[in-house]
Amino acid sequence: DPGAKITVVTHALGVDFLLEGAKDANGGAFAGPVSALTARGVKFEVCDITLRNRKLKRDQFIPEATYVPSGVAEITRLQQREGYAYLRP
């Protein structure tokens, strides 16, 4: 659906693929596909609570990452106020 809005909300260990230099099991960098998806309108959000709990800094993440105060609260907000559906891999 060309009109679909997609937001990937990450928290806990799920933020790791958005770290600078993160690679998949085959050694491929995640940054390229994330950049390509961002160019098509996909948003990638990182939970600030996770950053605090894991002692991570925003400058450790690729530029496409954006930040929300709470990943779980953002998922709830998107569902209740924006009409998003929650899909979990």
PDB file of N, CA and C in Angstrom:
ATOM      1  N   ASP A   1       0.844  -1.182   0.000  1.00  0.00           N
ATOM      2  CA  ASP A   1       0.000   0.000   0.000  1.00  0.00           C
ATOM      3  C   ASP A   1       0.886   1.240   0.000  1.00  0.00           C
ATOM      4  N   PRO A   2       0.885   2.005  -1.060  1.00  0.00           N
ATOM      5  CA  PRO A   2       1.731   3.195  -1.139  1.00  0.00           C
ATOM      6  C   PRO A   2       1.395   4.249  -0.095  1.00  0.00           C
ATOM      7  N   GLY A   3       0.186   4.213   0.453  1.00  0.00           N
ATOM      8  CA  GLY A   3      -0.192   5.194   1.463  1.00  0.00           C
ATOM      9  C   GLY A   3       0.069   4.753   2.893  1.00  0.00           C
ATOM     10  N   ALA A   4       0.551   3.543   3.069  1.00  0.00           N
ATOM     11  CA  ALA A   4       0.786   3.023   4.418  1.00  0.00           C
ATOM     12  C   ALA A   4       1.919   3.779   5.098  1.00  0.00           C
ATOM     13  N   LYS A   5       1.743   4.021   6.394  1.00  0.00           N
ATOM     14  CA  LYS A   5       2.792   4.632   7.205  1.00  0.00           C
ATOM     15  C   LYS A   5       3.392   3.526   8.060  1.00  0.00           C
ATOM     16  N   ILE A   6       4.713   3.427   8.045  1.00  0.00           N
ATOM     17  CA  ILE A   6       5.390   2.391   8.820  1.00  0.00           C
ATOM     18  C   ILE A   6       6.360   3.052   9.789  1.00  0.00           C
ATOM     19  N   THR A   7       6.240   2.683  11.047  1.00  0.00           N
ATOM     20  CA  THR A   7       7.150   3.153  12.086  1.00  0.00           C
ATOM     21  C   THR A   7       7.671   1.931  12.824  1.00  0.00           C
ATOM     22  N   VAL A   8       8.990   1.790  12.872  1.00  0.00           N
ATOM     23  CA  VAL A   8       9.625   0.711  13.608  1.00  0.00           C
ATOM     24  C   VAL A   8      10.043   1.286  14.956  1.00  0.00           C
ATOM     25  N   VAL A   9       9.364   0.851  16.026  1.00  0.00           N
ATOM     26  CA  VAL A   9       9.660   1.329  17.368  1.00  0.00           C
ATOM     27  C   VAL A   9      10.529   0.274  18.044  1.00  0.00           C
ATOM     28  N   THR A  10      11.710   0.677  18.476  1.00  0.00           N
ATOM     29  CA  THR A  10      12.648  -0.285  19.059  1.00  0.00           C
ATOM     30  C   THR A  10      12.881   0.008  20.536  1.00  0.00           C
ATOM     31  N   HIS A  11      13.098  -1.066  21.282  1.00  0.00           N
ATOM     32  CA  HIS A  11      13.473  -0.940  22.692  1.00  0.00           C
ATOM     33  C   HIS A  11      14.238  -2.192  23.096  1.00  0.00           C
ATOM     34  N   ALA A  12      14.806  -2.148  24.274  1.00  0.00           N
ATOM     35  CA  ALA A  12      15.614  -3.252  24.814  1.00  0.00           C
ATOM     36  C   ALA A  12      16.693  -3.657  23.796  1.00  0.00           C
ATOM     37  N   LEU A  13      16.857  -4.941  23.549  1.00  0.00           N
ATOM     38  CA  LEU A  13      17.895  -5.392  22.614  1.00  0.00           C
ATOM     39  C   LEU A  13      17.527  -5.093  21.160  1.00  0.00           C
ATOM     40  N   GLY A  14      16.280  -4.716  20.918  1.00  0.00           N
ATOM     41  CA  GLY A  14      15.836  -4.399  19.573  1.00  0.00           C
ATOM     42  C   GLY A  14      16.449  -3.144  18.980  1.00  0.00           C
ATOM     43  N   VAL A  15      17.121  -2.338  19.790  1.00  0.00           N
ATOM     44  CA  VAL A  15      17.752  -1.120  19.266  1.00  0.00           C
ATOM     45  C   VAL A  15      19.081  -1.407  18.578  1.00  0.00           C
ATOM     46  N   ASP A  16      19.625  -2.576  18.807  1.00  0.00           N
ATOM     47  CA  ASP A  16      21.009  -2.860  18.386  1.00  0.00           C
ATOM     48  C   ASP A  16      21.257  -2.714  16.888  1.00  0.00           C
ATOM     49  N   PHE A  17      20.273  -3.023  16.053  1.00  0.00           N
ATOM     50  CA  PHE A  17      20.508  -2.929  14.611  1.00  0.00           C
ATOM     51  C   PHE A  17      20.646  -1.482  14.133  1.00  0.00           C
ATOM     52  N   LEU A  18      20.275  -0.533  14.984  1.00  0.00           N
ATOM     53  CA  LEU A  18      20.399   0.875  14.628  1.00  0.00           C
ATOM     54  C   LEU A  18      21.696   1.505  15.141  1.00  0.00           C
ATOM     55  N   LEU A  19      22.524   0.712  15.801  1.00  0.00           N
ATOM     56  CA  LEU A  19      23.820   1.217  16.252  1.00  0.00           C
ATOM     57  C   LEU A  19      24.769   1.365  15.063  1.00  0.00           C
ATOM     58  N   GLU A  20      25.615   2.380  15.097  1.00  0.00           N
ATOM     59  CA  GLU A  20      26.635   2.554  14.050  1.00  0.00           C
ATOM     60  C   GLU A  20      27.441   1.271  13.922  1.00  0.00           C
ATOM     61  N   GLY A  21      27.628   0.811  12.713  1.00  0.00           N
ATOM     62  CA  GLY A  21      28.443  -0.364  12.459  1.00  0.00           C
ATOM     63  C   GLY A  21      27.761  -1.702  12.689  1.00  0.00           C
ATOM     64  N   ALA A  22      26.470  -1.696  13.064  1.00  0.00           N
ATOM     65  CA  ALA A  22      25.761  -2.953  13.311  1.00  0.00           C
ATOM     66  C   ALA A  22      25.652  -3.758  12.019  1.00  0.00           C
ATOM     67  N   LYS A  23      25.861  -5.090  12.153  1.00  0.00           N
ATOM     68  CA  LYS A  23      25.823  -5.990  10.994  1.00  0.00           C
ATOM     69  C   LYS A  23      24.930  -7.177  11.274  1.00  0.00           C
ATOM     70  N   ASP A  24      24.400  -7.751  10.193  1.00  0.00           N
ATOM     71  CA  ASP A  24      23.573  -8.941  10.326  1.00  0.00           C
ATOM     72  C   ASP A  24      24.463 -10.182  10.447  1.00  0.00           C
ATOM     73  N   ALA A  25      23.858 -11.347  10.556  1.00  0.00           N
ATOM     74  CA  ALA A  25      24.603 -12.598  10.748  1.00  0.00           C
ATOM     75  C   ALA A  25      25.557 -12.904   9.596  1.00  0.00           C
ATOM     76  N   ASN A  26      25.286 -12.357   8.417  1.00  0.00           N
ATOM     77  CA  ASN A  26      26.152 -12.578   7.257  1.00  0.00           C
ATOM     78  C   ASN A  26      27.197 -11.478   7.076  1.00  0.00           C
ATOM     79  N   GLY A  27      27.252 -10.552   8.013  1.00  0.00           N
ATOM     80  CA  GLY A  27      28.236  -9.477   7.942  1.00  0.00           C
ATOM     81  C   GLY A  27      27.796  -8.258   7.161  1.00  0.00           C
ATOM     82  N   GLY A  28      26.546  -8.247   6.730  1.00  0.00           N
ATOM     83  CA  GLY A  28      26.022  -7.088   5.999  1.00  0.00           C
ATOM     84  C   GLY A  28      25.600  -5.992   6.956  1.00  0.00           C
ATOM     85  N   ALA A  29      25.951  -4.765   6.641  1.00  0.00           N
ATOM     86  CA  ALA A  29      25.594  -3.629   7.491  1.00  0.00           C
ATOM     87  C   ALA A  29      24.095  -3.349   7.405  1.00  0.00           C
ATOM     88  N   PHE A  30      23.494  -3.046   8.538  1.00  0.00           N
ATOM     89  CA  PHE A  30      22.082  -2.682   8.576  1.00  0.00           C
ATOM     90  C   PHE A  30      21.856  -1.256   8.068  1.00  0.00           C
ATOM     91  N   ALA A  31      22.875  -0.415   8.141  1.00  0.00           N
ATOM     92  CA  ALA A  31      22.724   1.006   7.815  1.00  0.00           C
ATOM     93  C   ALA A  31      22.178   1.229   6.404  1.00  0.00           C
ATOM     94  N   GLY A  32      22.634   0.469   5.433  1.00  0.00           N
ATOM     95  CA  GLY A  32      22.178   0.651   4.058  1.00  0.00           C
ATOM     96  C   GLY A  32      20.691   0.412   3.883  1.00  0.00           C
ATOM     97  N   PRO A  33      20.190  -0.756   4.293  1.00  0.00           N
ATOM     98  CA  PRO A  33      18.746  -1.002   4.177  1.00  0.00           C
ATOM     99  C   PRO A  33      17.902  -0.024   5.002  1.00  0.00           C
ATOM    100  N   VAL A  34      18.387   0.346   6.178  1.00  0.00           N
ATOM    101  CA  VAL A  34      17.640   1.302   6.999  1.00  0.00           C
ATOM    102  C   VAL A  34      17.564   2.646   6.283  1.00  0.00           C
ATOM    103  N   SER A  35      18.665   3.078   5.707  1.00  0.00           N
ATOM    104  CA  SER A  35      18.687   4.335   4.961  1.00  0.00           C
ATOM    105  C   SER A  35      17.719   4.290   3.778  1.00  0.00           C
ATOM    106  N   ALA A  36      17.724   3.182   3.057  1.00  0.00           N
ATOM    107  CA  ALA A  36      16.827   3.031   1.903  1.00  0.00           C
ATOM    108  C   ALA A  36      15.359   3.061   2.335  1.00  0.00           C
ATOM    109  N   LEU A  37      15.044   2.409   3.436  1.00  0.00           N
ATOM    110  CA  LEU A  37      13.666   2.405   3.928  1.00  0.00           C
ATOM    111  C   LEU A  37      13.261   3.786   4.438  1.00  0.00           C
ATOM    112  N   THR A  38      14.185   4.467   5.089  1.00  0.00           N
ATOM    113  CA  THR A  38      13.903   5.829   5.560  1.00  0.00           C
ATOM    114  C   THR A  38      13.585   6.742   4.378  1.00  0.00           C
ATOM    115  N   ALA A  39      14.320   6.577   3.295  1.00  0.00           N
ATOM    116  CA  ALA A  39      14.076   7.375   2.085  1.00  0.00           C
ATOM    117  C   ALA A  39      12.676   7.119   1.519  1.00  0.00           C
ATOM    118  N   ARG A  40      12.115   5.967   1.839  1.00  0.00           N
ATOM    119  CA  ARG A  40      10.761   5.622   1.367  1.00  0.00           C
ATOM    120  C   ARG A  40       9.692   5.965   2.407  1.00  0.00           C
ATOM    121  N   GLY A  41      10.102   6.619   3.502  1.00  0.00           N
ATOM    122  CA  GLY A  41       9.136   7.091   4.494  1.00  0.00           C
ATOM    123  C   GLY A  41       9.027   6.289   5.766  1.00  0.00           C
ATOM    124  N   VAL A  42       9.787   5.209   5.903  1.00  0.00           N
ATOM    125  CA  VAL A  42       9.744   4.409   7.127  1.00  0.00           C
ATOM    126  C   VAL A  42      10.497   5.161   8.224  1.00  0.00           C
ATOM    127  N   LYS A  43       9.922   5.186   9.426  1.00  0.00           N
ATOM    128  CA  LYS A  43      10.560   5.831  10.574  1.00  0.00           C
ATOM    129  C   LYS A  43      11.144   4.758  11.489  1.00  0.00           C
ATOM    130  N   PHE A  44      12.286   5.048  12.072  1.00  0.00           N
ATOM    131  CA  PHE A  44      12.940   4.148  13.023  1.00  0.00           C
ATOM    132  C   PHE A  44      13.127   4.902  14.339  1.00  0.00           C
ATOM    133  N   GLU A  45      12.391   4.472  15.362  1.00  0.00           N
ATOM    134  CA  GLU A  45      12.404   5.160  16.643  1.00  0.00           C
ATOM    135  C   GLU A  45      13.070   4.303  17.721  1.00  0.00           C
ATOM    136  N   VAL A  46      13.859   4.965  18.546  1.00  0.00           N
ATOM    137  CA  VAL A  46      14.605   4.304  19.620  1.00  0.00           C
ATOM    138  C   VAL A  46      14.071   4.815  20.960  1.00  0.00           C
ATOM    139  N   CYS A  47      13.889   3.902  21.885  1.00  0.00           N
ATOM    140  CA  CYS A  47      13.383   4.198  23.229  1.00  0.00           C
ATOM    141  C   CYS A  47      14.472   4.833  24.104  1.00  0.00           C
ATOM    142  N   ASP A  48      14.183   6.033  24.636  1.00  0.00           N
ATOM    143  CA  ASP A  48      15.142   6.698  25.524  1.00  0.00           C
ATOM    144  C   ASP A  48      15.346   5.946  26.840  1.00  0.00           C
ATOM    145  N   ILE A  49      14.326   5.239  27.305  1.00  0.00           N
ATOM    146  CA  ILE A  49      14.481   4.451  28.540  1.00  0.00           C
ATOM    147  C   ILE A  49      15.537   3.373  28.318  1.00  0.00           C
ATOM    148  N   THR A  50      15.502   2.741  27.157  1.00  0.00           N
ATOM    149  CA  THR A  50      16.511   1.738  26.825  1.00  0.00           C
ATOM    150  C   THR A  50      17.900   2.358  26.815  1.00  0.00           C
ATOM    151  N   LEU A  51      18.027   3.549  26.256  1.00  0.00           N
ATOM    152  CA  LEU A  51      19.330   4.215  26.234  1.00  0.00           C
ATOM    153  C   LEU A  51      19.860   4.393  27.651  1.00  0.00           C
ATOM    154  N   ARG A  52      19.008   4.888  28.535  1.00  0.00           N
ATOM    155  CA  ARG A  52      19.440   5.084  29.929  1.00  0.00           C
ATOM    156  C   ARG A  52      19.801   3.761  30.596  1.00  0.00           C
ATOM    157  N   ASN A  53      18.931   2.755  30.445  1.00  0.00           N
ATOM    158  CA  ASN A  53      19.160   1.471  31.106  1.00  0.00           C
ATOM    159  C   ASN A  53      20.406   0.754  30.603  1.00  0.00           C
ATOM    160  N   ARG A  54      20.703   0.926  29.321  1.00  0.00           N
ATOM    161  CA  ARG A  54      21.859   0.252  28.733  1.00  0.00           C
ATOM    162  C   ARG A  54      23.083   1.157  28.631  1.00  0.00           C
ATOM    163  N   LYS A  55      22.939   2.381  29.148  1.00  0.00           N
ATOM    164  CA  LYS A  55      24.048   3.349  29.135  1.00  0.00           C
ATOM    165  C   LYS A  55      24.559   3.601  27.709  1.00  0.00           C
ATOM    166  N   LEU A  56      23.624   3.765  26.791  1.00  0.00           N
ATOM    167  CA  LEU A  56      23.945   4.073  25.402  1.00  0.00           C
ATOM    168  C   LEU A  56      23.733   5.561  25.162  1.00  0.00           C
ATOM    169  N   LYS A  57      24.431   6.097  24.189  1.00  0.00           N
ATOM    170  CA  LYS A  57      24.320   7.511  23.829  1.00  0.00           C
ATOM    171  C   LYS A  57      23.731   7.628  22.430  1.00  0.00           C
ATOM    172  N   ARG A  58      23.042   8.720  22.187  1.00  0.00           N
ATOM    173  CA  ARG A  58      22.434   8.943  20.874  1.00  0.00           C
ATOM    174  C   ARG A  58      23.479   8.983  19.765  1.00  0.00           C
ATOM    175  N   ASP A  59      24.668   9.454  20.070  1.00  0.00           N
ATOM    176  CA  ASP A  59      25.694   9.546  19.021  1.00  0.00           C
ATOM    177  C   ASP A  59      26.252   8.177  18.612  1.00  0.00           C
ATOM    178  N   GLN A  60      25.812   7.115  19.252  1.00  0.00           N
ATOM    179  CA  GLN A  60      26.221   5.763  18.875  1.00  0.00           C
ATOM    180  C   GLN A  60      25.327   5.183  17.773  1.00  0.00           C
ATOM    181  N   PHE A  61      24.265   5.904  17.439  1.00  0.00           N
ATOM    182  CA  PHE A  61      23.276   5.404  16.500  1.00  0.00           C
ATOM    183  C   PHE A  61      23.424   6.042  15.127  1.00  0.00           C
ATOM    184  N   ILE A  62      22.931   5.337  14.118  1.00  0.00           N
ATOM    185  CA  ILE A  62      22.967   5.870  12.755  1.00  0.00           C
ATOM    186  C   ILE A  62      22.049   7.100  12.679  1.00  0.00           C
ATOM    187  N   PRO A  63      22.313   7.982  11.735  1.00  0.00           N
ATOM    188  CA  PRO A  63      21.541   9.239  11.652  1.00  0.00           C
ATOM    189  C   PRO A  63      20.043   9.055  11.412  1.00  0.00           C
ATOM    190  N   GLU A  64      19.636   7.953  10.839  1.00  0.00           N
ATOM    191  CA  GLU A  64      18.213   7.722  10.557  1.00  0.00           C
ATOM    192  C   GLU A  64      17.389   7.465  11.821  1.00  0.00           C
ATOM    193  N   ALA A  65      18.042   7.127  12.918  1.00  0.00           N
ATOM    194  CA  ALA A  65      17.319   6.846  14.158  1.00  0.00           C
ATOM    195  C   ALA A  65      16.756   8.142  14.743  1.00  0.00           C
ATOM    196  N   THR A  66      15.516   8.048  15.199  1.00  0.00           N
ATOM    197  CA  THR A  66      14.909   9.134  15.960  1.00  0.00           C
ATOM    198  C   THR A  66      14.595   8.565  17.339  1.00  0.00           C
ATOM    199  N   TYR A  67      14.181   9.411  18.259  1.00  0.00           N
ATOM    200  CA  TYR A  67      14.073   8.980  19.654  1.00  0.00           C
ATOM    201  C   TYR A  67      12.720   9.353  20.241  1.00  0.00           C
ATOM    202  N   VAL A  68      12.221   8.445  21.074  1.00  0.00           N
ATOM    203  CA  VAL A  68      10.967   8.664  21.790  1.00  0.00           C
ATOM    204  C   VAL A  68      11.227   8.403  23.271  1.00  0.00           C
ATOM    205  N   PRO A  69      10.493   9.090  24.153  1.00  0.00           N
ATOM    206  CA  PRO A  69      10.735   8.906  25.587  1.00  0.00           C
ATOM    207  C   PRO A  69      10.579   7.458  26.053  1.00  0.00           C
ATOM    208  N   SER A  70       9.566   6.766  25.537  1.00  0.00           N
ATOM    209  CA  SER A  70       9.298   5.379  25.923  1.00  0.00           C
ATOM    210  C   SER A  70       8.814   4.609  24.697  1.00  0.00           C
ATOM    211  N   GLY A  71       9.492   3.528  24.371  1.00  0.00           N
ATOM    212  CA  GLY A  71       9.083   2.720  23.226  1.00  0.00           C
ATOM    213  C   GLY A  71       7.715   2.097  23.403  1.00  0.00           C
ATOM    214  N   VAL A  72       7.453   1.546  24.571  1.00  0.00           N
ATOM    215  CA  VAL A  72       6.166   0.896  24.827  1.00  0.00           C
ATOM    216  C   VAL A  72       5.036   1.929  24.785  1.00  0.00           C
ATOM    217  N   ALA A  73       5.261   3.090  25.380  1.00  0.00           N
ATOM    218  CA  ALA A  73       4.236   4.145  25.347  1.00  0.00           C
ATOM    219  C   ALA A  73       4.009   4.638  23.918  1.00  0.00           C
ATOM    220  N   GLU A  74       5.067   4.698  23.115  1.00  0.00           N
ATOM    221  CA  GLU A  74       4.929   5.135  21.726  1.00  0.00           C
ATOM    222  C   GLU A  74       4.109   4.134  20.920  1.00  0.00           C
ATOM    223  N   ILE A  75       4.324   2.851  21.150  1.00  0.00           N
ATOM    224  CA  ILE A  75       3.524   1.827  20.464  1.00  0.00           C
ATOM    225  C   ILE A  75       2.050   2.001  20.820  1.00  0.00           C
ATOM    226  N   THR A  76       1.771   2.208  22.084  1.00  0.00           N
ATOM    227  CA  THR A  76       0.394   2.411  22.544  1.00  0.00           C
ATOM    228  C   THR A  76      -0.204   3.666  21.914  1.00  0.00           C
ATOM    229  N   ARG A  77       0.553   4.753  21.888  1.00  0.00           N
ATOM    230  CA  ARG A  77       0.077   6.004  21.302  1.00  0.00           C
ATOM    231  C   ARG A  77      -0.254   5.819  19.821  1.00  0.00           C
ATOM    232  N   LEU A  78       0.650   5.174  19.098  1.00  0.00           N
ATOM    233  CA  LEU A  78       0.422   4.957  17.662  1.00  0.00           C
ATOM    234  C   LEU A  78      -0.843   4.137  17.414  1.00  0.00           C
ATOM    235  N   GLN A  79      -1.073   3.135  18.254  1.00  0.00           N
ATOM    236  CA  GLN A  79      -2.265   2.291  18.085  1.00  0.00           C
ATOM    237  C   GLN A  79      -3.542   3.047  18.437  1.00  0.00           C
ATOM    238  N   GLN A  80      -3.540   3.711  19.580  1.00  0.00           N
ATOM    239  CA  GLN A  80      -4.765   4.328  20.074  1.00  0.00           C
ATOM    240  C   GLN A  80      -5.098   5.645  19.391  1.00  0.00           C
ATOM    241  N   ARG A  81      -4.104   6.447  19.069  1.00  0.00           N
ATOM    242  CA  ARG A  81      -4.376   7.788  18.540  1.00  0.00           C
ATOM    243  C   ARG A  81      -4.154   7.919  17.035  1.00  0.00           C
ATOM    244  N   GLU A  82      -3.319   7.046  16.485  1.00  0.00           N
ATOM    245  CA  GLU A  82      -2.969   7.186  15.065  1.00  0.00           C
ATOM    246  C   GLU A  82      -3.527   6.050  14.202  1.00  0.00           C
ATOM    247  N   GLY A  83      -4.156   5.047  14.842  1.00  0.00           N
ATOM    248  CA  GLY A  83      -4.760   3.954  14.090  1.00  0.00           C
ATOM    249  C   GLY A  83      -3.774   2.921  13.543  1.00  0.00           C
ATOM    250  N   TYR A  84      -2.568   2.882  14.096  1.00  0.00           N
ATOM    251  CA  TYR A  84      -1.564   1.907  13.641  1.00  0.00           C
ATOM    252  C   TYR A  84      -1.930   0.519  14.129  1.00  0.00           C
ATOM    253  N   ALA A  85      -1.458  -0.487  13.407  1.00  0.00           N
ATOM    254  CA  ALA A  85      -1.558  -1.881  13.838  1.00  0.00           C
ATOM    255  C   ALA A  85      -0.197  -2.297  14.356  1.00  0.00           C
ATOM    256  N   TYR A  86      -0.175  -3.086  15.409  1.00  0.00           N
ATOM    257  CA  TYR A  86       1.073  -3.551  16.004  1.00  0.00           C
ATOM    258  C   TYR A  86       1.450  -4.896  15.374  1.00  0.00           C
ATOM    259  N   LEU A  87       2.583  -4.931  14.717  1.00  0.00           N
ATOM    260  CA  LEU A  87       3.111  -6.165  14.125  1.00  0.00           C
ATOM    261  C   LEU A  87       4.449  -6.438  14.753  1.00  0.00           C
ATOM    262  N   ARG A  88       4.625  -7.622  15.254  1.00  0.00           N
ATOM    263  CA  ARG A  88       5.876  -7.985  15.905  1.00  0.00           C
ATOM    264  C   ARG A  88       6.527  -9.123  15.109  1.00  0.00           C
ATOM    265  N   PRO A  89       7.830  -8.953  14.813  1.00  0.00           N
ATOM    266  CA  PRO A  89       8.493 -10.021  14.039  1.00  0.00           C
ATOM    267  C   PRO A  89       8.622 -11.310  14.823  1.00  0.00           C
TER     268      PRO A  89
END
